[in-house]
Amino acid sequence: MLRELYQTKSTQETEALGAALAARMQESDLPRYIALYGDLGVGKTAFVRGFASVIAPESTVRSPTFALVHEHRGKELDLFHFDMYRITGEDDLYSIGYDDYLTRNGICLVEWSENIPFALPDAYLRVTIEKCDADHPDLRAICIEEVAAC
């Protein structure tokens, strides 16, 4: 099982880590669902922006807070970028066609996954991003771990 810890010192390094995971995912059988965890402003969208630069390089990534999901067309796989900040239950997920995205040929990156623990797939990558130090506001601790049902 995958469990890796990283530290980034800038938005660019956080994006580069996202890009590295995307490249790795293309060459492996890692789950195609990435659950992102972290407080407001820690860099979740920056991580997704880096990831998208590999999978869907023509895309412009911004937070899908109001749209709830943005679709990015890739060369081989599509990228579905969700923001679950305002999701409060299964009805909200149903209204955006969440289950349909899980069966399409693509990768789901889901911000605010802590709001939908009941809807996570059996196998996924959990990416937790945290600020490390108030004296160094750009310093981030990032944990990438594979989660699988027992």
Protein backbone atom coordinates (compact mmCIF):
# COMPACT_ATOMS: atom_id res chain seq x y z
CA MET A 1 0.00 0.00 0.00
CA LEU A 2 1.20 3.44 -0.91
CA ARG A 3 1.90 5.94 1.91
CA GLU A 4 4.24 8.84 1.19
CA LEU A 5 4.95 12.10 2.99
CA TYR A 6 6.15 15.26 1.26
CA GLN A 7 6.88 18.84 2.15
CA THR A 8 6.42 21.69 -0.32
CA LYS A 9 7.63 25.25 0.10
CA SER A 10 5.61 27.01 -2.61
CA THR A 11 2.53 26.81 -4.78
CA GLN A 12 4.79 25.74 -7.66
CA GLU A 13 6.16 22.81 -5.64
CA THR A 14 2.62 21.75 -4.69
CA GLU A 15 1.64 21.86 -8.37
CA ALA A 16 4.76 19.86 -9.28
CA LEU A 17 3.81 17.18 -6.76
CA GLY A 18 0.34 16.96 -8.33
CA ALA A 19 1.94 16.62 -11.78
CA ALA A 20 4.29 13.90 -10.52
CA LEU A 21 1.36 11.91 -9.11
CA ALA A 22 -0.51 12.23 -12.41
CA ALA A 23 2.49 10.94 -14.37
CA ARG A 24 2.87 8.08 -11.94
CA MET A 25 -0.83 7.25 -12.16
CA GLN A 26 -0.58 6.91 -15.95
CA GLU A 27 2.06 4.22 -15.53
CA SER A 28 0.48 2.23 -12.70
CA ASP A 29 -2.73 0.71 -11.44
CA LEU A 30 -3.32 3.29 -8.72
CA PRO A 31 -6.99 4.06 -8.06
CA ARG A 32 -8.50 6.70 -10.35
CA TYR A 33 -10.15 8.53 -7.48
CA ILE A 34 -8.27 11.10 -5.41
CA ALA A 35 -9.92 12.37 -2.25
CA LEU A 36 -8.40 15.68 -1.22
CA TYR A 37 -8.47 16.80 2.42
CA GLY A 38 -7.39 20.08 3.96
CA ASP A 39 -8.56 23.43 5.24
CA LEU A 40 -9.50 26.39 3.11
CA GLY A 41 -6.49 27.85 1.32
CA VAL A 42 -4.01 25.00 1.89
CA GLY A 43 -3.41 24.31 -1.80
CA LYS A 44 -5.88 21.65 -2.90
CA THR A 45 -6.67 23.47 -6.14
CA ALA A 46 -2.94 24.07 -6.77
CA PHE A 47 -2.38 20.32 -6.43
CA VAL A 48 -5.22 19.67 -8.92
CA ARG A 49 -3.80 22.29 -11.30
CA GLY A 50 -0.48 20.41 -11.39
CA PHE A 51 -2.24 17.08 -11.81
CA ALA A 52 -4.30 18.45 -14.70
CA SER A 53 -1.19 19.78 -16.43
CA VAL A 54 -0.30 16.15 -17.18
CA ILE A 55 -3.71 14.55 -17.76
CA ALA A 56 -5.51 17.43 -19.48
CA PRO A 57 -2.79 19.96 -20.38
CA GLU A 58 -5.11 22.23 -22.39
CA SER A 59 -7.32 22.85 -19.35
CA THR A 60 -7.55 25.89 -17.15
CA VAL A 61 -8.15 24.72 -13.59
CA ARG A 62 -9.97 26.80 -11.04
CA SER A 63 -11.97 25.83 -7.99
CA PRO A 64 -15.40 24.44 -8.93
CA THR A 65 -17.03 25.79 -5.76
CA PHE A 66 -20.12 27.15 -7.49
CA ALA A 67 -20.32 24.65 -10.36
CA LEU A 68 -19.54 21.70 -8.03
CA VAL A 69 -17.75 19.87 -10.85
CA HIS A 70 -15.56 20.86 -13.79
CA GLU A 71 -14.82 18.41 -16.58
CA HIS A 72 -11.43 18.60 -18.28
CA ARG A 73 -10.88 16.66 -21.51
CA GLY A 74 -7.65 14.73 -21.56
CA LYS A 75 -5.79 12.88 -24.27
CA GLU A 76 -6.45 9.43 -22.82
CA LEU A 77 -8.51 10.08 -19.70
CA ASP A 78 -10.84 12.86 -18.70
CA LEU A 79 -10.46 14.66 -15.41
CA PHE A 80 -13.44 15.39 -13.16
CA HIS A 81 -12.67 18.03 -10.55
CA PHE A 82 -15.25 18.19 -7.75
CA ASP A 83 -15.70 20.62 -4.89
CA MET A 84 -17.85 19.08 -2.15
CA TYR A 85 -17.71 22.11 0.16
CA ARG A 86 -21.45 22.80 -0.15
CA ILE A 87 -22.58 19.15 -0.39
CA THR A 88 -24.73 18.12 2.57
CA GLY A 89 -26.07 14.72 1.62
CA GLU A 90 -26.71 12.04 -0.94
CA ASP A 91 -29.44 14.05 -2.69
CA ASP A 92 -26.91 16.77 -3.51
CA LEU A 93 -24.57 14.20 -5.03
CA TYR A 94 -27.36 12.60 -7.01
CA SER A 95 -28.36 15.98 -8.46
CA ILE A 96 -24.90 16.47 -10.02
CA GLY A 97 -24.70 12.93 -11.43
CA TYR A 98 -21.86 11.91 -9.10
CA ASP A 99 -22.38 8.16 -9.59
CA ASP A 100 -22.19 8.57 -13.36
CA TYR A 101 -18.77 10.21 -13.09
CA LEU A 102 -17.47 7.22 -11.12
CA THR A 103 -18.20 4.90 -14.03
CA ARG A 104 -16.81 7.08 -16.81
CA ASN A 105 -13.33 6.71 -18.27
CA GLY A 106 -11.62 9.33 -16.19
CA ILE A 107 -10.03 10.38 -12.94
CA CYS A 108 -11.98 12.02 -10.13
CA LEU A 109 -10.24 14.61 -7.97
CA VAL A 110 -12.49 15.58 -5.10
CA GLU A 111 -11.89 18.59 -2.87
CA TRP A 112 -13.55 18.63 0.56
CA SER A 113 -13.89 14.84 0.61
CA GLU A 114 -14.45 15.01 4.35
CA ASN A 115 -18.00 16.13 3.51
CA ILE A 116 -18.85 12.87 1.67
CA PRO A 117 -17.39 9.95 3.66
CA PHE A 118 -20.49 7.91 2.77
CA ALA A 119 -19.81 8.28 -0.97
CA LEU A 120 -16.11 7.42 -1.26
CA PRO A 121 -15.30 4.37 -3.39
CA ASP A 122 -13.79 1.22 -1.90
CA ALA A 123 -10.33 2.09 -3.24
CA TYR A 124 -8.93 5.60 -3.62
CA LEU A 125 -5.93 7.82 -2.97
CA ARG A 126 -6.22 10.11 0.02
CA VAL A 127 -4.22 13.34 -0.31
CA THR A 128 -4.06 15.40 2.88
CA ILE A 129 -2.57 18.89 2.69
CA GLU A 130 -1.77 20.88 5.82
CA LYS A 131 -0.03 24.13 6.62
CA CYS A 132 3.04 23.41 8.72
CA ASP A 133 4.26 26.60 10.31
CA ALA A 134 2.72 30.04 10.87
CA ASP A 135 6.17 31.61 10.38
CA HIS A 136 6.46 30.00 6.92
CA PRO A 137 3.02 30.45 5.31
CA ASP A 138 3.89 28.59 2.09
CA LEU A 139 5.21 25.46 3.82
CA ARG A 140 2.92 22.44 3.38
CA ALA A 141 2.93 18.86 4.61
CA ILE A 142 1.33 16.55 2.06
CA CYS A 143 0.50 12.91 2.68
CA ILE A 144 -0.49 10.65 -0.20
CA GLU A 145 -1.85 7.28 0.81
CA GLU A 146 -3.77 4.50 -0.84
CA VAL A 147 -6.97 3.46 0.89
CA ALA A 148 -8.64 0.14 0.14
CA ALA A 149 -11.53 -1.73 1.70
CA CYS A 150 -10.53 -4.72 3.80
